[in-house]
Amino acid sequence: MADFSIVRAARRGFGGLFDARGRDDRMQFWIYCALVFAPLIVVQMVAQVVLTFPPLDMLMKAEPNDPQFAQRLFQYQMQGAAKAAFLNIGLFLLGAALLLTATARRLHDRGRSGWWACVLPPAILVITHSQARRTAAMVEHLPAQLAEMSRGATVDPTELMTWAARASAGPDWAAIGCGFVLLLLFVELVRAGTDDSNRFGAPPD
């Protein structure tokens, strides 16, 4: 039965990429979400490892007890994390595109207009771009932070823990607002559909 449900969800989801008509129940929608995001998460994890793993020549040139190597390694890994953050924008937008019509059908099951699904791509774009921009700002301020530490300057541990936050330009209210919108959308998507027929059709089989 589980295999049939997964195959059915895949056929309905990928086969209906350009068809927002009708209704999808919760099981159909969330199985399809898992089918969409499972490979994207794997790609994300592989890219994170590839982009943050230092090249072999860098490791081979490391001198024993080199106090600067740890800093160079950390800086390289942070730069890789910034690249991965920008890659995530494309991955999550791809996921949003694949979920667009399925989200509309799930909203239809709730008796809501499917047009509300259109908030998904721009909201995800704003949030992921904000995260990537903040990561890039951290990398930009990293050399100055490491230089301060290498000079032996006394650094308040509390300030050291919050240097990333101080490197950014403060709270991103657009991303916060989009996160709130996605939360409201998520609440609708996890709720049960209407028991009887609604303006979008009969309940899913």
C-alpha atoms as a PDB file:
ATOM      1  CA  MET A   1       0.000   0.000   0.000  1.00  0.00           C
ATOM      2  CA  ALA A   2       2.877   2.381   0.842  1.00  0.00           C
ATOM      3  CA  ASP A   3       4.538   1.774  -2.517  1.00  0.00           C
ATOM      4  CA  PHE A   4       1.261   2.386  -4.298  1.00  0.00           C
ATOM      5  CA  SER A   5       0.769   5.642  -2.381  1.00  0.00           C
ATOM      6  CA  ILE A   6       4.235   6.860  -3.313  1.00  0.00           C
ATOM      7  CA  VAL A   7       3.769   5.963  -6.983  1.00  0.00           C
ATOM      8  CA  ARG A   8       0.362   7.576  -6.996  1.00  0.00           C
ATOM      9  CA  ALA A   9       1.701  10.727  -5.344  1.00  0.00           C
ATOM     10  CA  ALA A  10       4.533  10.926  -7.862  1.00  0.00           C
ATOM     11  CA  ARG A  11       2.198  10.509 -10.821  1.00  0.00           C
ATOM     12  CA  ARG A  12      -0.261  13.053  -9.499  1.00  0.00           C
ATOM     13  CA  GLY A  13       2.443  15.550  -8.498  1.00  0.00           C
ATOM     14  CA  PHE A  14       4.851  15.405 -11.421  1.00  0.00           C
ATOM     15  CA  GLY A  15       2.080  14.666 -13.908  1.00  0.00           C
ATOM     16  CA  GLY A  16       0.174  17.730 -12.752  1.00  0.00           C
ATOM     17  CA  LEU A  17       2.990  20.271 -12.833  1.00  0.00           C
ATOM     18  CA  PHE A  18       0.981  22.455 -15.201  1.00  0.00           C
ATOM     19  CA  ASP A  19      -2.505  21.638 -13.936  1.00  0.00           C
ATOM     20  CA  ALA A  20      -3.748  23.388 -10.798  1.00  0.00           C
ATOM     21  CA  ARG A  21      -7.303  22.106 -11.159  1.00  0.00           C
ATOM     22  CA  GLY A  22      -8.884  19.801  -8.623  1.00  0.00           C
ATOM     23  CA  ARG A  23      -7.958  18.908  -5.059  1.00  0.00           C
ATOM     24  CA  ASP A  24      -5.075  17.082  -3.334  1.00  0.00           C
ATOM     25  CA  ASP A  25      -5.411  15.679   0.171  1.00  0.00           C
ATOM     26  CA  ARG A  26      -2.741  15.961   2.846  1.00  0.00           C
ATOM     27  CA  MET A  27      -1.130  12.565   2.263  1.00  0.00           C
ATOM     28  CA  GLN A  28      -0.833  13.170  -1.466  1.00  0.00           C
ATOM     29  CA  PHE A  29       0.668  16.615  -0.959  1.00  0.00           C
ATOM     30  CA  TRP A  30       3.218  15.762   1.742  1.00  0.00           C
ATOM     31  CA  ILE A  31       4.406  12.570   0.037  1.00  0.00           C
ATOM     32  CA  TYR A  32       4.963  14.618  -3.093  1.00  0.00           C
ATOM     33  CA  CYS A  33       6.825  17.271  -1.046  1.00  0.00           C
ATOM     34  CA  ALA A  34       9.139  14.546   0.252  1.00  0.00           C
ATOM     35  CA  LEU A  35       9.725  13.277  -3.293  1.00  0.00           C
ATOM     36  CA  VAL A  36      10.620  16.807  -4.430  1.00  0.00           C
ATOM     37  CA  PHE A  37      12.849  17.879  -1.572  1.00  0.00           C
ATOM     38  CA  ALA A  38      14.637  14.594  -0.758  1.00  0.00           C
ATOM     39  CA  PRO A  39      16.898  14.750  -3.861  1.00  0.00           C
ATOM     40  CA  LEU A  40      17.311  18.520  -3.500  1.00  0.00           C
ATOM     41  CA  ILE A  41      18.507  18.091   0.081  1.00  0.00           C
ATOM     42  CA  VAL A  42      20.981  15.425  -1.056  1.00  0.00           C
ATOM     43  CA  VAL A  43      22.309  17.794  -3.738  1.00  0.00           C
ATOM     44  CA  GLN A  44      22.537  20.556  -1.134  1.00  0.00           C
ATOM     45  CA  MET A  45      24.509  18.374   1.279  1.00  0.00           C
ATOM     46  CA  VAL A  46      26.905  17.151  -1.423  1.00  0.00           C
ATOM     47  CA  ALA A  47      27.469  20.706  -2.647  1.00  0.00           C
ATOM     48  CA  GLN A  48      28.105  21.872   0.919  1.00  0.00           C
ATOM     49  CA  VAL A  49      30.766  19.198   1.410  1.00  0.00           C
ATOM     50  CA  VAL A  50      32.404  19.824  -1.970  1.00  0.00           C
ATOM     51  CA  LEU A  51      32.493  23.598  -1.559  1.00  0.00           C
ATOM     52  CA  THR A  52      33.778  23.595   2.033  1.00  0.00           C
ATOM     53  CA  PHE A  53      36.263  20.732   1.819  1.00  0.00           C
ATOM     54  CA  PRO A  54      39.755  22.242   1.415  1.00  0.00           C
ATOM     55  CA  PRO A  55      41.854  21.268  -1.629  1.00  0.00           C
ATOM     56  CA  LEU A  56      44.517  18.639  -1.100  1.00  0.00           C
ATOM     57  CA  ASP A  57      47.371  21.013  -1.936  1.00  0.00           C
ATOM     58  CA  MET A  58      46.218  23.277   0.882  1.00  0.00           C
ATOM     59  CA  LEU A  59      46.254  20.364   3.301  1.00  0.00           C
ATOM     60  CA  MET A  60      49.622  19.095   2.036  1.00  0.00           C
ATOM     61  CA  LYS A  61      51.266  22.499   2.461  1.00  0.00           C
ATOM     62  CA  ALA A  62      50.142  22.798   6.076  1.00  0.00           C
ATOM     63  CA  GLU A  63      53.101  23.001   8.427  1.00  0.00           C
ATOM     64  CA  PRO A  64      52.976  21.156  11.758  1.00  0.00           C
ATOM     65  CA  ASN A  65      51.736  23.411  14.553  1.00  0.00           C
ATOM     66  CA  ASP A  66      51.100  26.227  12.071  1.00  0.00           C
ATOM     67  CA  PRO A  67      48.997  28.762  14.004  1.00  0.00           C
ATOM     68  CA  GLN A  68      47.804  30.362  10.749  1.00  0.00           C
ATOM     69  CA  PHE A  69      46.564  27.170   9.128  1.00  0.00           C
ATOM     70  CA  ALA A  70      43.440  26.870  11.274  1.00  0.00           C
ATOM     71  CA  GLN A  71      42.489  30.425  10.356  1.00  0.00           C
ATOM     72  CA  ARG A  72      43.073  29.850   6.634  1.00  0.00           C
ATOM     73  CA  LEU A  73      41.087  26.629   6.800  1.00  0.00           C
ATOM     74  CA  PHE A  74      38.212  28.297   8.622  1.00  0.00           C
ATOM     75  CA  GLN A  75      38.167  31.181   6.155  1.00  0.00           C
ATOM     76  CA  TYR A  76      38.149  28.762   3.203  1.00  0.00           C
ATOM     77  CA  GLN A  77      35.253  26.834   4.710  1.00  0.00           C
ATOM     78  CA  MET A  78      33.284  30.016   5.337  1.00  0.00           C
ATOM     79  CA  GLN A  79      33.802  31.100   1.738  1.00  0.00           C
ATOM     80  CA  GLY A  80      32.523  27.709   0.606  1.00  0.00           C
ATOM     81  CA  ALA A  81      29.513  28.070   2.881  1.00  0.00           C
ATOM     82  CA  ALA A  82      28.738  31.426   1.254  1.00  0.00           C
ATOM     83  CA  LYS A  83      28.856  29.836  -2.215  1.00  0.00           C
ATOM     84  CA  ALA A  84      26.605  27.031  -0.998  1.00  0.00           C
ATOM     85  CA  ALA A  85      24.157  29.583   0.402  1.00  0.00           C
ATOM     86  CA  PHE A  86      23.776  31.189  -3.031  1.00  0.00           C
ATOM     87  CA  LEU A  87      23.393  27.744  -4.601  1.00  0.00           C
ATOM     88  CA  ASN A  88      20.565  27.090  -2.167  1.00  0.00           C
ATOM     89  CA  ILE A  89      18.613  29.947  -3.743  1.00  0.00           C
ATOM     90  CA  GLY A  90      18.377  28.027  -6.999  1.00  0.00           C
ATOM     91  CA  LEU A  91      17.635  24.711  -5.293  1.00  0.00           C
ATOM     92  CA  PHE A  92      14.815  26.056  -3.160  1.00  0.00           C
ATOM     93  CA  LEU A  93      13.337  28.014  -6.064  1.00  0.00           C
ATOM     94  CA  LEU A  94      13.326  24.802  -8.097  1.00  0.00           C
ATOM     95  CA  GLY A  95      11.511  23.079  -5.254  1.00  0.00           C
ATOM     96  CA  ALA A  96       8.994  25.932  -5.044  1.00  0.00           C
ATOM     97  CA  ALA A  97       8.355  25.722  -8.797  1.00  0.00           C
ATOM     98  CA  LEU A  98       7.745  21.969  -8.589  1.00  0.00           C
ATOM     99  CA  LEU A  99       5.340  22.477  -5.674  1.00  0.00           C
ATOM    100  CA  LEU A 100       3.416  25.425  -7.102  1.00  0.00           C
ATOM    101  CA  THR A 101       0.456  23.626  -8.665  1.00  0.00           C
ATOM    102  CA  ALA A 102       0.399  20.946  -5.953  1.00  0.00           C
ATOM    103  CA  THR A 103       0.146  23.713  -3.348  1.00  0.00           C
ATOM    104  CA  ALA A 104      -2.724  25.261  -5.304  1.00  0.00           C
ATOM    105  CA  ARG A 105      -4.579  21.923  -5.350  1.00  0.00           C
ATOM    106  CA  ARG A 106      -3.953  21.447  -1.610  1.00  0.00           C
ATOM    107  CA  LEU A 107      -5.424  24.909  -0.982  1.00  0.00           C
ATOM    108  CA  HIS A 108      -8.405  23.931  -3.141  1.00  0.00           C
ATOM    109  CA  ASP A 109      -8.914  20.966  -0.816  1.00  0.00           C
ATOM    110  CA  ARG A 110      -9.176  23.477   2.014  1.00  0.00           C
ATOM    111  CA  GLY A 111     -11.678  25.551   0.016  1.00  0.00           C
ATOM    112  CA  ARG A 112      -9.099  28.333  -0.462  1.00  0.00           C
ATOM    113  CA  SER A 113      -8.111  30.037  -3.676  1.00  0.00           C
ATOM    114  CA  GLY A 114      -5.132  28.373  -5.341  1.00  0.00           C
ATOM    115  CA  TRP A 115      -3.736  31.781  -6.248  1.00  0.00           C
ATOM    116  CA  TRP A 116      -2.353  31.978  -2.699  1.00  0.00           C
ATOM    117  CA  ALA A 117       0.247  29.424  -3.828  1.00  0.00           C
ATOM    118  CA  CYS A 118       1.859  32.204  -5.869  1.00  0.00           C
ATOM    119  CA  VAL A 119       3.373  33.631  -2.669  1.00  0.00           C
ATOM    120  CA  LEU A 120       5.610  30.551  -2.406  1.00  0.00           C
ATOM    121  CA  PRO A 121       8.391  31.363  -4.957  1.00  0.00           C
ATOM    122  CA  PRO A 122       8.871  35.077  -4.077  1.00  0.00           C
ATOM    123  CA  ALA A 123       8.777  34.383  -0.338  1.00  0.00           C
ATOM    124  CA  ILE A 124      11.370  31.623  -0.656  1.00  0.00           C
ATOM    125  CA  LEU A 125      13.491  33.854  -2.914  1.00  0.00           C
ATOM    126  CA  VAL A 126      13.496  36.674  -0.356  1.00  0.00           C
ATOM    127  CA  ILE A 127      14.330  34.375   2.567  1.00  0.00           C
ATOM    128  CA  THR A 128      17.082  32.391   0.824  1.00  0.00           C
ATOM    129  CA  HIS A 129      18.634  35.522  -0.676  1.00  0.00           C
ATOM    130  CA  SER A 130      18.652  37.176   2.732  1.00  0.00           C
ATOM    131  CA  GLN A 131      20.431  34.163   4.233  1.00  0.00           C
ATOM    132  CA  ALA A 132      22.973  34.076   1.404  1.00  0.00           C
ATOM    133  CA  ARG A 133      23.606  37.806   1.704  1.00  0.00           C
ATOM    134  CA  ARG A 134      24.169  37.522   5.457  1.00  0.00           C
ATOM    135  CA  THR A 135      26.568  34.614   4.973  1.00  0.00           C
ATOM    136  CA  ALA A 136      28.495  36.653   2.404  1.00  0.00           C
ATOM    137  CA  ALA A 137      28.650  39.574   4.859  1.00  0.00           C
ATOM    138  CA  MET A 138      30.091  37.242   7.495  1.00  0.00           C
ATOM    139  CA  VAL A 139      32.795  36.123   5.073  1.00  0.00           C
ATOM    140  CA  GLU A 140      33.575  39.739   4.174  1.00  0.00           C
ATOM    141  CA  HIS A 141      34.107  40.674   7.818  1.00  0.00           C
ATOM    142  CA  LEU A 142      35.940  37.455   8.667  1.00  0.00           C
ATOM    143  CA  PRO A 143      39.518  38.622   7.818  1.00  0.00           C
ATOM    144  CA  ALA A 144      39.239  41.603  10.155  1.00  0.00           C
ATOM    145  CA  GLN A 145      37.884  39.401  12.927  1.00  0.00           C
ATOM    146  CA  LEU A 146      40.674  36.837  12.479  1.00  0.00           C
ATOM    147  CA  ALA A 147      43.301  39.578  12.342  1.00  0.00           C
ATOM    148  CA  GLU A 148      42.020  40.959  15.635  1.00  0.00           C
ATOM    149  CA  MET A 149      42.226  37.519  17.198  1.00  0.00           C
ATOM    150  CA  SER A 150      45.728  36.869  15.808  1.00  0.00           C
ATOM    151  CA  ARG A 151      47.021  40.099  17.357  1.00  0.00           C
ATOM    152  CA  GLY A 152      46.124  38.667  20.727  1.00  0.00           C
ATOM    153  CA  ALA A 153      43.531  41.308  21.389  1.00  0.00           C
ATOM    154  CA  THR A 154      41.189  40.564  24.232  1.00  0.00           C
ATOM    155  CA  VAL A 155      37.855  39.600  22.772  1.00  0.00           C
ATOM    156  CA  ASP A 156      34.719  39.348  24.856  1.00  0.00           C
ATOM    157  CA  PRO A 157      33.382  35.775  24.354  1.00  0.00           C
ATOM    158  CA  THR A 158      29.863  37.185  24.149  1.00  0.00           C
ATOM    159  CA  GLU A 159      30.916  39.532  21.350  1.00  0.00           C
ATOM    160  CA  LEU A 160      32.779  36.734  19.606  1.00  0.00           C
ATOM    161  CA  MET A 161      29.610  34.660  19.526  1.00  0.00           C
ATOM    162  CA  THR A 162      27.646  37.520  18.004  1.00  0.00           C
ATOM    163  CA  TRP A 163      30.191  38.789  15.483  1.00  0.00           C
ATOM    164  CA  ALA A 164      28.210  37.251  12.638  1.00  0.00           C
ATOM    165  CA  ALA A 165      25.108  39.131  13.679  1.00  0.00           C
ATOM    166  CA  ARG A 166      27.077  42.361  13.994  1.00  0.00           C
ATOM    167  CA  ALA A 167      28.509  41.848  10.509  1.00  0.00           C
ATOM    168  CA  SER A 168      25.030  41.962   9.011  1.00  0.00           C
ATOM    169  CA  ALA A 169      22.968  45.084   8.518  1.00  0.00           C
ATOM    170  CA  GLY A 170      20.464  44.268  11.250  1.00  0.00           C
ATOM    171  CA  PRO A 171      17.168  42.419  10.979  1.00  0.00           C
ATOM    172  CA  ASP A 172      15.857  41.804   7.484  1.00  0.00           C
ATOM    173  CA  TRP A 173      12.209  42.736   7.886  1.00  0.00           C
ATOM    174  CA  ALA A 174      11.314  41.617   4.366  1.00  0.00           C
ATOM    175  CA  ALA A 175      12.609  38.104   5.112  1.00  0.00           C
ATOM    176  CA  ILE A 176      10.850  38.110   8.490  1.00  0.00           C
ATOM    177  CA  GLY A 177       7.586  39.137   6.826  1.00  0.00           C
ATOM    178  CA  CYS A 178       7.958  36.437   4.176  1.00  0.00           C
ATOM    179  CA  GLY A 179       8.674  33.873   6.874  1.00  0.00           C
ATOM    180  CA  PHE A 180       5.427  34.839   8.605  1.00  0.00           C
ATOM    181  CA  VAL A 181       3.515  34.471   5.318  1.00  0.00           C
ATOM    182  CA  LEU A 182       5.032  31.019   4.755  1.00  0.00           C
ATOM    183  CA  LEU A 183       4.055  30.046   8.296  1.00  0.00           C
ATOM    184  CA  LEU A 184       0.429  30.968   7.605  1.00  0.00           C
ATOM    185  CA  LEU A 185       0.567  29.025   4.342  1.00  0.00           C
ATOM    186  CA  PHE A 186       2.057  26.019   6.153  1.00  0.00           C
ATOM    187  CA  VAL A 187      -0.799  26.064   8.675  1.00  0.00           C
ATOM    188  CA  GLU A 188      -3.296  25.863   5.819  1.00  0.00           C
ATOM    189  CA  LEU A 189      -1.396  23.054   4.110  1.00  0.00           C
ATOM    190  CA  VAL A 190      -1.349  20.806   7.210  1.00  0.00           C
ATOM    191  CA  ARG A 191      -5.054  21.181   7.961  1.00  0.00           C
ATOM    192  CA  ALA A 192      -7.642  18.698   6.730  1.00  0.00           C
ATOM    193  CA  GLY A 193      -9.620  19.437   3.613  1.00  0.00           C
ATOM    194  CA  THR A 194     -13.366  19.956   3.471  1.00  0.00           C
ATOM    195  CA  ASP A 195     -15.369  16.747   3.881  1.00  0.00           C
ATOM    196  CA  ASP A 196     -17.839  17.468   1.109  1.00  0.00           C
ATOM    197  CA  SER A 197     -17.565  18.912  -2.371  1.00  0.00           C
ATOM    198  CA  ASN A 198     -16.574  22.543  -2.561  1.00  0.00           C
ATOM    199  CA  ARG A 199     -16.277  25.030  -5.421  1.00  0.00           C
ATOM    200  CA  PHE A 200     -13.137  23.202  -6.640  1.00  0.00           C
ATOM    201  CA  GLY A 201     -14.714  19.779  -6.927  1.00  0.00           C
ATOM    202  CA  ALA A 202     -15.329  16.597  -5.017  1.00  0.00           C
ATOM    203  CA  PRO A 203     -12.976  15.331  -2.273  1.00  0.00           C
ATOM    204  CA  PRO A 204      -9.952  13.389  -3.580  1.00  0.00           C
ATOM    205  CA  ASP A 205     -10.377   9.620  -3.855  1.00  0.00           C
END
